[in-house]
């Protein structure tokens, strides 16, 4: 009989957040596959768990998956953990699970912490519909293109971001969504310096830059588009500014504040001019 693979969620910060079920599984398996053995060892030592570890990360996932499949076929039970949270959520493991499904090996999820769910629950943003986008591209041009694809999405948008890129990501988000779109930074969740801040994007960037909040593990959330509201906001702003600004300058100012595309703004200007006779 083949063994089982357990997908075990582990704490994202506070070690007390692990479940009794997860502890029982980690104590019972024959092997624990993990991203960073030194990191996982701290968790295991805290709960007096002594099991062999095997390094499993992005760059060896395909090769290591075949090896783990062999062990499972020999009847060994294996737990897969990431450095923090639920494996496969912007972490290694997809290729392994897909392979095991094709081979008919049982894969069992052991539910627990997930940074993006924790951040969403405390963000104050809409939770009925959301889109988890993982990490944005490191290259700025690709990052902006990705954000532009999402500008009219009405769902709450959730990203993971590294501390050294968060300020530029905020600037790129302002360029795409405008200064006034509501967003949230959730950093160091469940840890001593946990911080969750909701502000318009422009103010959120100022807060991060001024107070050096570009540290630790970061979840970045952006409020979904409210199409009718945003277009009313754009129209009202145009009517206020049109007596004073014209052409490209007018369009750029309105776009910066609302995040609405230039083409949409030009059409709105044309409509306002027609209505005013």
C-alpha atoms as a PDB file:
ATOM      1  CA  UNK A   1       0.000   0.000   0.000  1.00  0.00           C
ATOM      2  CA  UNK A   2       1.323   3.449  -0.925  1.00  0.00           C
ATOM      3  CA  UNK A   3       1.900   6.155   1.625  1.00  0.00           C
ATOM      4  CA  UNK A   4       0.101   9.475   1.963  1.00  0.00           C
ATOM      5  CA  UNK A   5       1.256  13.040   1.410  1.00  0.00           C
ATOM      6  CA  UNK A   6       0.030  15.521   4.014  1.00  0.00           C
ATOM      7  CA  UNK A   7      -0.045  19.222   3.080  1.00  0.00           C
ATOM      8  CA  UNK A   8       0.551  20.740   6.512  1.00  0.00           C
ATOM      9  CA  UNK A   9      -0.093  24.412   7.233  1.00  0.00           C
ATOM     10  CA  UNK A  10       2.332  25.874   9.785  1.00  0.00           C
ATOM     11  CA  UNK A  11       2.376  29.172  11.731  1.00  0.00           C
ATOM     12  CA  UNK A  12       3.070  32.411   9.840  1.00  0.00           C
ATOM     13  CA  UNK A  13       4.622  33.944  12.945  1.00  0.00           C
ATOM     14  CA  UNK A  14       3.238  32.948  16.322  1.00  0.00           C
ATOM     15  CA  UNK A  15       4.188  29.302  16.959  1.00  0.00           C
ATOM     16  CA  UNK A  16       0.989  28.803  19.002  1.00  0.00           C
ATOM     17  CA  UNK A  17      -1.063  29.052  15.796  1.00  0.00           C
ATOM     18  CA  UNK A  18      -0.343  25.468  14.762  1.00  0.00           C
ATOM     19  CA  UNK A  19      -3.240  22.986  15.079  1.00  0.00           C
ATOM     20  CA  UNK A  20      -3.302  19.836  17.212  1.00  0.00           C
ATOM     21  CA  UNK A  21      -3.974  17.925  14.004  1.00  0.00           C
ATOM     22  CA  UNK A  22      -0.832  19.329  12.356  1.00  0.00           C
ATOM     23  CA  UNK A  23       1.288  18.381  15.371  1.00  0.00           C
ATOM     24  CA  UNK A  24      -0.091  14.825  15.349  1.00  0.00           C
ATOM     25  CA  UNK A  25       0.656  14.464  11.625  1.00  0.00           C
ATOM     26  CA  UNK A  26       4.197  15.826  11.928  1.00  0.00           C
ATOM     27  CA  UNK A  27       4.845  13.343  14.741  1.00  0.00           C
ATOM     28  CA  UNK A  28       3.479  10.410  12.751  1.00  0.00           C
ATOM     29  CA  UNK A  29       5.020  10.764   9.280  1.00  0.00           C
ATOM     30  CA  UNK A  30       8.239   9.141   8.115  1.00  0.00           C
ATOM     31  CA  UNK A  31       9.671  12.272   6.496  1.00  0.00           C
ATOM     32  CA  UNK A  32       9.036  16.028   6.408  1.00  0.00           C
ATOM     33  CA  UNK A  33       9.737  17.844   3.130  1.00  0.00           C
ATOM     34  CA  UNK A  34      10.441  21.521   3.819  1.00  0.00           C
ATOM     35  CA  UNK A  35      11.805  24.652   2.155  1.00  0.00           C
ATOM     36  CA  UNK A  36      14.401  25.495   4.766  1.00  0.00           C
ATOM     37  CA  UNK A  37      15.417  22.763   7.262  1.00  0.00           C
ATOM     38  CA  UNK A  38      16.894  25.323   9.680  1.00  0.00           C
ATOM     39  CA  UNK A  39      13.585  27.223   9.754  1.00  0.00           C
ATOM     40  CA  UNK A  40      11.446  24.087  10.142  1.00  0.00           C
ATOM     41  CA  UNK A  41      13.740  22.692  12.840  1.00  0.00           C
ATOM     42  CA  UNK A  42      12.838  25.633  15.110  1.00  0.00           C
ATOM     43  CA  UNK A  43       9.158  24.698  14.863  1.00  0.00           C
ATOM     44  CA  UNK A  44       9.822  20.999  15.418  1.00  0.00           C
ATOM     45  CA  UNK A  45      12.071  21.642  18.420  1.00  0.00           C
ATOM     46  CA  UNK A  46       9.375  23.857  19.962  1.00  0.00           C
ATOM     47  CA  UNK A  47       6.968  20.893  19.904  1.00  0.00           C
ATOM     48  CA  UNK A  48       9.609  18.226  20.593  1.00  0.00           C
ATOM     49  CA  UNK A  49       9.148  16.577  17.201  1.00  0.00           C
ATOM     50  CA  UNK A  50      12.089  14.582  15.859  1.00  0.00           C
ATOM     51  CA  UNK A  51      11.744  13.563  12.235  1.00  0.00           C
ATOM     52  CA  UNK A  52      14.116  13.461   9.253  1.00  0.00           C
ATOM     53  CA  UNK A  53      13.899  16.513   6.971  1.00  0.00           C
ATOM     54  CA  UNK A  54      14.393  16.753   3.220  1.00  0.00           C
ATOM     55  CA  UNK A  55      14.913  20.071   1.483  1.00  0.00           C
ATOM     56  CA  UNK A  56      12.151  20.804  -1.044  1.00  0.00           C
ATOM     57  CA  UNK A  57      12.138  24.199  -2.771  1.00  0.00           C
ATOM     58  CA  UNK A  58      11.476  25.893  -6.118  1.00  0.00           C
ATOM     59  CA  UNK A  59      14.740  24.941  -7.806  1.00  0.00           C
ATOM     60  CA  UNK A  60      14.674  21.226  -6.976  1.00  0.00           C
ATOM     61  CA  UNK A  61      10.908  20.627  -6.929  1.00  0.00           C
ATOM     62  CA  UNK A  62      10.571  18.632 -10.161  1.00  0.00           C
ATOM     63  CA  UNK A  63      13.520  16.334  -9.430  1.00  0.00           C
ATOM     64  CA  UNK A  64      12.662  15.968  -5.735  1.00  0.00           C
ATOM     65  CA  UNK A  65       9.010  15.181  -6.561  1.00  0.00           C
ATOM     66  CA  UNK A  66      10.092  11.983  -8.337  1.00  0.00           C
ATOM     67  CA  UNK A  67      12.146  10.944  -5.319  1.00  0.00           C
ATOM     68  CA  UNK A  68       9.254  11.595  -2.928  1.00  0.00           C
ATOM     69  CA  UNK A  69       6.943   9.604  -5.214  1.00  0.00           C
ATOM     70  CA  UNK A  70       9.312   6.618  -4.880  1.00  0.00           C
ATOM     71  CA  UNK A  71       9.169   6.869  -1.083  1.00  0.00           C
ATOM     72  CA  UNK A  72       5.375   7.104  -1.138  1.00  0.00           C
ATOM     73  CA  UNK A  73       5.195   4.033  -3.370  1.00  0.00           C
ATOM     74  CA  UNK A  74       7.264   2.229  -0.732  1.00  0.00           C
ATOM     75  CA  UNK A  75       4.548   3.000   1.822  1.00  0.00           C
ATOM     76  CA  UNK A  76       6.228   5.988   3.476  1.00  0.00           C
ATOM     77  CA  UNK A  77       4.025   8.842   4.752  1.00  0.00           C
ATOM     78  CA  UNK A  78       5.357  12.338   4.042  1.00  0.00           C
ATOM     79  CA  UNK A  79       4.425  15.809   5.317  1.00  0.00           C
ATOM     80  CA  UNK A  80       5.016  18.827   3.105  1.00  0.00           C
ATOM     81  CA  UNK A  81       5.503  22.158   4.886  1.00  0.00           C
ATOM     82  CA  UNK A  82       6.575  25.588   3.705  1.00  0.00           C
ATOM     83  CA  UNK A  83       8.535  28.136   5.728  1.00  0.00           C
ATOM     84  CA  UNK A  84       5.249  29.632   6.917  1.00  0.00           C
ATOM     85  CA  UNK A  85       1.547  29.237   6.226  1.00  0.00           C
ATOM     86  CA  UNK A  86      -0.158  26.870   3.815  1.00  0.00           C
ATOM     87  CA  UNK A  87       2.085  25.104   1.259  1.00  0.00           C
ATOM     88  CA  UNK A  88       1.493  25.761  -2.460  1.00  0.00           C
ATOM     89  CA  UNK A  89       0.099  29.272  -1.804  1.00  0.00           C
ATOM     90  CA  UNK A  90       2.928  31.169  -3.550  1.00  0.00           C
ATOM     91  CA  UNK A  91       5.161  28.355  -2.288  1.00  0.00           C
ATOM     92  CA  UNK A  92       6.536  25.121  -3.812  1.00  0.00           C
ATOM     93  CA  UNK A  93       4.428  21.982  -4.088  1.00  0.00           C
ATOM     94  CA  UNK A  94       2.165  22.262  -7.124  1.00  0.00           C
ATOM     95  CA  UNK A  95       4.259  19.987  -9.340  1.00  0.00           C
ATOM     96  CA  UNK A  96       4.455  17.391  -6.577  1.00  0.00           C
ATOM     97  CA  UNK A  97       0.705  17.364  -5.920  1.00  0.00           C
ATOM     98  CA  UNK A  98      -0.094  17.224  -9.635  1.00  0.00           C
ATOM     99  CA  UNK A  99       2.268  14.268 -10.075  1.00  0.00           C
ATOM    100  CA  UNK A 100       0.777  12.407  -7.122  1.00  0.00           C
ATOM    101  CA  UNK A 101      -2.773  12.977  -8.363  1.00  0.00           C
ATOM    102  CA  UNK A 102      -1.803  11.441 -11.696  1.00  0.00           C
ATOM    103  CA  UNK A 103      -0.258   8.482  -9.871  1.00  0.00           C
ATOM    104  CA  UNK A 104      -3.282   7.949  -7.640  1.00  0.00           C
ATOM    105  CA  UNK A 105      -1.451   8.809  -4.408  1.00  0.00           C
ATOM    106  CA  UNK A 106      -3.648  10.228  -1.649  1.00  0.00           C
ATOM    107  CA  UNK A 107      -2.990  13.907  -0.811  1.00  0.00           C
ATOM    108  CA  UNK A 108      -4.467  15.120   2.495  1.00  0.00           C
ATOM    109  CA  UNK A 109      -4.668  18.814   3.460  1.00  0.00           C
ATOM    110  CA  UNK A 110      -4.100  19.738   7.106  1.00  0.00           C
ATOM    111  CA  UNK A 111      -5.721  23.168   7.342  1.00  0.00           C
ATOM    112  CA  UNK A 112      -4.207  26.069   9.205  1.00  0.00           C
ATOM    113  CA  UNK A 113      -2.665  29.529   8.879  1.00  0.00           C
ATOM    114  CA  UNK A 114      -2.502  31.413   5.567  1.00  0.00           C
ATOM    115  CA  UNK A 115      -1.148  34.975   5.466  1.00  0.00           C
ATOM    116  CA  UNK A 116      -3.410  36.225   2.696  1.00  0.00           C
ATOM    117  CA  UNK A 117      -6.588  34.953   4.410  1.00  0.00           C
ATOM    118  CA  UNK A 118      -5.503  36.417   7.755  1.00  0.00           C
ATOM    119  CA  UNK A 119      -4.783  39.787   6.126  1.00  0.00           C
ATOM    120  CA  UNK A 120      -8.088  39.827   4.246  1.00  0.00           C
ATOM    121  CA  UNK A 121     -10.089  39.018   7.367  1.00  0.00           C
ATOM    122  CA  UNK A 122      -8.717  42.062   9.211  1.00  0.00           C
ATOM    123  CA  UNK A 123      -8.366  44.442   6.247  1.00  0.00           C
ATOM    124  CA  UNK A 124     -11.802  46.048   6.261  1.00  0.00           C
ATOM    125  CA  UNK A 125     -12.090  45.371   2.526  1.00  0.00           C
ATOM    126  CA  UNK A 126     -14.774  43.304   0.786  1.00  0.00           C
ATOM    127  CA  UNK A 127     -14.391  39.602   1.578  1.00  0.00           C
ATOM    128  CA  UNK A 128     -17.214  38.026  -0.454  1.00  0.00           C
ATOM    129  CA  UNK A 129     -15.187  38.182  -3.653  1.00  0.00           C
ATOM    130  CA  UNK A 130     -11.423  38.462  -3.854  1.00  0.00           C
ATOM    131  CA  UNK A 131      -8.552  37.542  -6.152  1.00  0.00           C
ATOM    132  CA  UNK A 132      -5.230  36.324  -4.801  1.00  0.00           C
ATOM    133  CA  UNK A 133      -2.515  37.304  -7.284  1.00  0.00           C
ATOM    134  CA  UNK A 134       0.554  36.065  -5.415  1.00  0.00           C
ATOM    135  CA  UNK A 135       3.797  37.976  -5.963  1.00  0.00           C
ATOM    136  CA  UNK A 136       3.815  40.710  -8.602  1.00  0.00           C
ATOM    137  CA  UNK A 137       6.614  40.567 -11.210  1.00  0.00           C
ATOM    138  CA  UNK A 138       9.970  41.917 -10.048  1.00  0.00           C
ATOM    139  CA  UNK A 139      10.461  43.883 -13.278  1.00  0.00           C
ATOM    140  CA  UNK A 140       8.629  47.210 -13.117  1.00  0.00           C
ATOM    141  CA  UNK A 141       7.265  47.199 -16.675  1.00  0.00           C
ATOM    142  CA  UNK A 142       5.737  43.755 -16.159  1.00  0.00           C
ATOM    143  CA  UNK A 143       4.436  44.752 -12.739  1.00  0.00           C
ATOM    144  CA  UNK A 144       2.635  47.796 -14.154  1.00  0.00           C
ATOM    145  CA  UNK A 145       1.185  45.696 -16.967  1.00  0.00           C
ATOM    146  CA  UNK A 146      -0.116  43.179 -14.433  1.00  0.00           C
ATOM    147  CA  UNK A 147      -1.736  45.926 -12.350  1.00  0.00           C
ATOM    148  CA  UNK A 148      -3.291  47.509 -15.438  1.00  0.00           C
ATOM    149  CA  UNK A 149      -4.939  44.184 -16.232  1.00  0.00           C
ATOM    150  CA  UNK A 150      -6.659  44.353 -12.829  1.00  0.00           C
ATOM    151  CA  UNK A 151      -7.681  48.009 -12.724  1.00  0.00           C
ATOM    152  CA  UNK A 152     -11.383  47.366 -13.425  1.00  0.00           C
ATOM    153  CA  UNK A 153     -11.618  44.156 -11.380  1.00  0.00           C
ATOM    154  CA  UNK A 154     -14.364  44.621  -8.788  1.00  0.00           C
ATOM    155  CA  UNK A 155     -12.929  41.987  -6.430  1.00  0.00           C
ATOM    156  CA  UNK A 156     -10.559  42.767  -3.575  1.00  0.00           C
ATOM    157  CA  UNK A 157      -7.035  42.221  -4.917  1.00  0.00           C
ATOM    158  CA  UNK A 158      -4.459  40.494  -2.708  1.00  0.00           C
ATOM    159  CA  UNK A 159      -0.704  40.348  -3.299  1.00  0.00           C
ATOM    160  CA  UNK A 160       2.384  39.184  -1.473  1.00  0.00           C
ATOM    161  CA  UNK A 161       5.273  41.633  -1.731  1.00  0.00           C
ATOM    162  CA  UNK A 162       8.853  41.758  -0.533  1.00  0.00           C
ATOM    163  CA  UNK A 163       9.885  44.628   1.771  1.00  0.00           C
ATOM    164  CA  UNK A 164      12.532  45.949  -0.624  1.00  0.00           C
ATOM    165  CA  UNK A 165       9.948  46.346  -3.427  1.00  0.00           C
ATOM    166  CA  UNK A 166       6.858  47.551  -1.564  1.00  0.00           C
ATOM    167  CA  UNK A 167       7.534  51.280  -1.998  1.00  0.00           C
ATOM    168  CA  UNK A 168       7.963  50.967  -5.773  1.00  0.00           C
ATOM    169  CA  UNK A 169       4.928  48.694  -5.953  1.00  0.00           C
ATOM    170  CA  UNK A 170       2.899  51.366  -4.171  1.00  0.00           C
ATOM    171  CA  UNK A 171       4.100  54.003  -6.649  1.00  0.00           C
ATOM    172  CA  UNK A 172       3.193  51.709  -9.561  1.00  0.00           C
ATOM    173  CA  UNK A 173      -0.215  51.100  -7.985  1.00  0.00           C
ATOM    174  CA  UNK A 174      -0.804  54.856  -7.691  1.00  0.00           C
ATOM    175  CA  UNK A 175       0.088  55.209 -11.376  1.00  0.00           C
ATOM    176  CA  UNK A 176      -2.491  52.569 -12.316  1.00  0.00           C
ATOM    177  CA  UNK A 177      -5.273  52.902  -9.704  1.00  0.00           C
ATOM    178  CA  UNK A 178      -4.931  56.563  -8.740  1.00  0.00           C
ATOM    179  CA  UNK A 179      -4.132  58.248  -5.434  1.00  0.00           C
ATOM    180  CA  UNK A 180      -7.543  57.679  -3.903  1.00  0.00           C
ATOM    181  CA  UNK A 181      -8.104  53.920  -4.321  1.00  0.00           C
ATOM    182  CA  UNK A 182      -8.257  52.377  -0.845  1.00  0.00           C
ATOM    183  CA  UNK A 183      -5.525  49.844  -0.049  1.00  0.00           C
ATOM    184  CA  UNK A 184      -4.105  47.965   2.924  1.00  0.00           C
ATOM    185  CA  UNK A 185      -0.643  46.980   4.098  1.00  0.00           C
ATOM    186  CA  UNK A 186      -0.616  44.016   6.482  1.00  0.00           C
ATOM    187  CA  UNK A 187       2.872  43.206   7.722  1.00  0.00           C
ATOM    188  CA  UNK A 188       4.425  40.867  10.284  1.00  0.00           C
ATOM    189  CA  UNK A 189       1.069  39.158  10.883  1.00  0.00           C
ATOM    190  CA  UNK A 190       0.766  37.339  14.256  1.00  0.00           C
ATOM    191  CA  UNK A 191       4.226  38.619  15.246  1.00  0.00           C
ATOM    192  CA  UNK A 192       5.270  41.198  17.844  1.00  0.00           C
ATOM    193  CA  UNK A 193       5.220  44.129  15.419  1.00  0.00           C
ATOM    194  CA  UNK A 194       2.057  43.184  13.513  1.00  0.00           C
ATOM    195  CA  UNK A 195       0.719  46.204  11.621  1.00  0.00           C
ATOM    196  CA  UNK A 196      -2.428  46.525   9.491  1.00  0.00           C
ATOM    197  CA  UNK A 197      -3.016  49.922   7.866  1.00  0.00           C
ATOM    198  CA  UNK A 198      -5.853  50.977   5.551  1.00  0.00           C
ATOM    199  CA  UNK A 199      -5.484  54.258   3.635  1.00  0.00           C
ATOM    200  CA  UNK A 200      -5.900  55.689   0.130  1.00  0.00           C
ATOM    201  CA  UNK A 201      -2.911  54.604  -1.960  1.00  0.00           C
ATOM    202  CA  UNK A 202      -1.297  58.056  -1.947  1.00  0.00           C
ATOM    203  CA  UNK A 203      -1.395  58.304   1.845  1.00  0.00           C
ATOM    204  CA  UNK A 204      -0.402  54.668   2.247  1.00  0.00           C
ATOM    205  CA  UNK A 205       2.785  55.280   0.247  1.00  0.00           C
ATOM    206  CA  UNK A 206       3.602  58.335   2.384  1.00  0.00           C
ATOM    207  CA  UNK A 207       3.066  56.298   5.568  1.00  0.00           C
ATOM    208  CA  UNK A 208       5.309  53.438   4.404  1.00  0.00           C
ATOM    209  CA  UNK A 209       8.027  55.845   3.253  1.00  0.00           C
ATOM    210  CA  UNK A 210       7.875  58.137   6.279  1.00  0.00           C
ATOM    211  CA  UNK A 211       7.581  55.506   9.009  1.00  0.00           C
ATOM    212  CA  UNK A 212       9.857  52.883   7.409  1.00  0.00           C
ATOM    213  CA  UNK A 213       7.111  50.270   7.185  1.00  0.00           C
ATOM    214  CA  UNK A 214       8.961  48.472   4.373  1.00  0.00           C
ATOM    215  CA  UNK A 215      10.066  45.646   6.639  1.00  0.00           C
ATOM    216  CA  UNK A 216       9.064  42.056   7.324  1.00  0.00           C
ATOM    217  CA  UNK A 217       6.567  39.830   5.529  1.00  0.00           C
ATOM    218  CA  UNK A 218       3.990  41.939   3.663  1.00  0.00           C
ATOM    219  CA  UNK A 219       0.499  41.318   2.327  1.00  0.00           C
ATOM    220  CA  UNK A 220      -0.751  44.129   0.073  1.00  0.00           C
ATOM    221  CA  UNK A 221      -4.467  44.495  -0.638  1.00  0.00           C
ATOM    222  CA  UNK A 222      -6.284  46.861  -3.003  1.00  0.00           C
ATOM    223  CA  UNK A 223      -9.988  47.627  -2.916  1.00  0.00           C
ATOM    224  CA  UNK A 224     -11.894  46.389  -5.948  1.00  0.00           C
ATOM    225  CA  UNK A 225     -13.153  48.815  -8.565  1.00  0.00           C
ATOM    226  CA  UNK A 226     -16.565  50.370  -8.042  1.00  0.00           C
ATOM    227  CA  UNK A 227     -17.314  51.150 -11.657  1.00  0.00           C
ATOM    228  CA  UNK A 228     -20.349  53.397 -11.290  1.00  0.00           C
ATOM    229  CA  UNK A 229     -18.916  55.244  -8.302  1.00  0.00           C
ATOM    230  CA  UNK A 230     -15.543  55.813  -9.970  1.00  0.00           C
ATOM    231  CA  UNK A 231     -17.109  57.139 -13.131  1.00  0.00           C
ATOM    232  CA  UNK A 232     -19.324  59.527 -11.153  1.00  0.00           C
ATOM    233  CA  UNK A 233     -16.228  60.646  -9.248  1.00  0.00           C
ATOM    234  CA  UNK A 234     -14.355  61.164 -12.517  1.00  0.00           C
ATOM    235  CA  UNK A 235     -17.219  63.160 -14.058  1.00  0.00           C
ATOM    236  CA  UNK A 236     -17.575  65.393 -11.001  1.00  0.00           C
ATOM    237  CA  UNK A 237     -13.829  66.050 -10.941  1.00  0.00           C
ATOM    238  CA  UNK A 238     -13.795  66.898 -14.659  1.00  0.00           C
ATOM    239  CA  UNK A 239     -16.590  69.433 -14.241  1.00  0.00           C
ATOM    240  CA  UNK A 240     -14.658  71.147 -11.458  1.00  0.00           C
ATOM    241  CA  UNK A 241     -11.330  71.202 -13.320  1.00  0.00           C
ATOM    242  CA  UNK A 242     -12.373  71.877 -16.930  1.00  0.00           C
ATOM    243  CA  UNK A 243     -12.653  75.666 -16.494  1.00  0.00           C
ATOM    244  CA  UNK A 244      -9.032  75.727 -15.336  1.00  0.00           C
ATOM    245  CA  UNK A 245      -7.226  72.869 -17.107  1.00  0.00           C
ATOM    246  CA  UNK A 246      -7.297  71.635 -20.693  1.00  0.00           C
ATOM    247  CA  UNK A 247      -6.017  68.827 -22.920  1.00  0.00           C
ATOM    248  CA  UNK A 248      -3.336  66.440 -21.701  1.00  0.00           C
ATOM    249  CA  UNK A 249      -2.825  68.251 -18.402  1.00  0.00           C
ATOM    250  CA  UNK A 250      -6.496  67.869 -17.491  1.00  0.00           C
ATOM    251  CA  UNK A 251      -6.481  64.181 -18.429  1.00  0.00           C
ATOM    252  CA  UNK A 252      -3.293  63.445 -16.487  1.00  0.00           C
ATOM    253  CA  UNK A 253      -4.583  65.110 -13.303  1.00  0.00           C
ATOM    254  CA  UNK A 254      -7.920  63.264 -13.419  1.00  0.00           C
ATOM    255  CA  UNK A 255      -6.214  59.967 -14.223  1.00  0.00           C
ATOM    256  CA  UNK A 256      -3.800  60.397 -11.313  1.00  0.00           C
ATOM    257  CA  UNK A 257      -6.633  60.915  -8.834  1.00  0.00           C
ATOM    258  CA  UNK A 258      -9.129  58.351 -10.131  1.00  0.00           C
ATOM    259  CA  UNK A 259      -7.096  55.683 -11.921  1.00  0.00           C
ATOM    260  CA  UNK A 260      -9.531  55.775 -14.863  1.00  0.00           C
ATOM    261  CA  UNK A 261      -7.941  55.189 -18.280  1.00  0.00           C
ATOM    262  CA  UNK A 262      -7.074  58.137 -20.540  1.00  0.00           C
ATOM    263  CA  UNK A 263      -9.423  56.887 -23.245  1.00  0.00           C
ATOM    264  CA  UNK A 264     -12.354  56.835 -20.816  1.00  0.00           C
ATOM    265  CA  UNK A 265     -11.519  60.346 -19.591  1.00  0.00           C
ATOM    266  CA  UNK A 266     -11.349  61.745 -23.142  1.00  0.00           C
ATOM    267  CA  UNK A 267     -14.760  60.217 -23.881  1.00  0.00           C
ATOM    268  CA  UNK A 268     -16.175  61.749 -20.702  1.00  0.00           C
ATOM    269  CA  UNK A 269     -14.793  65.176 -21.654  1.00  0.00           C
ATOM    270  CA  UNK A 270     -16.427  64.867 -25.057  1.00  0.00           C
ATOM    271  CA  UNK A 271     -19.738  63.906 -23.460  1.00  0.00           C
ATOM    272  CA  UNK A 272     -19.612  66.806 -20.985  1.00  0.00           C
ATOM    273  CA  UNK A 273     -18.875  69.265 -23.817  1.00  0.00           C
ATOM    274  CA  UNK A 274     -21.823  67.917 -25.823  1.00  0.00           C
ATOM    275  CA  UNK A 275     -24.163  68.182 -22.828  1.00  0.00           C
ATOM    276  CA  UNK A 276     -23.077  71.777 -22.128  1.00  0.00           C
ATOM    277  CA  UNK A 277     -23.928  72.698 -25.695  1.00  0.00           C
END
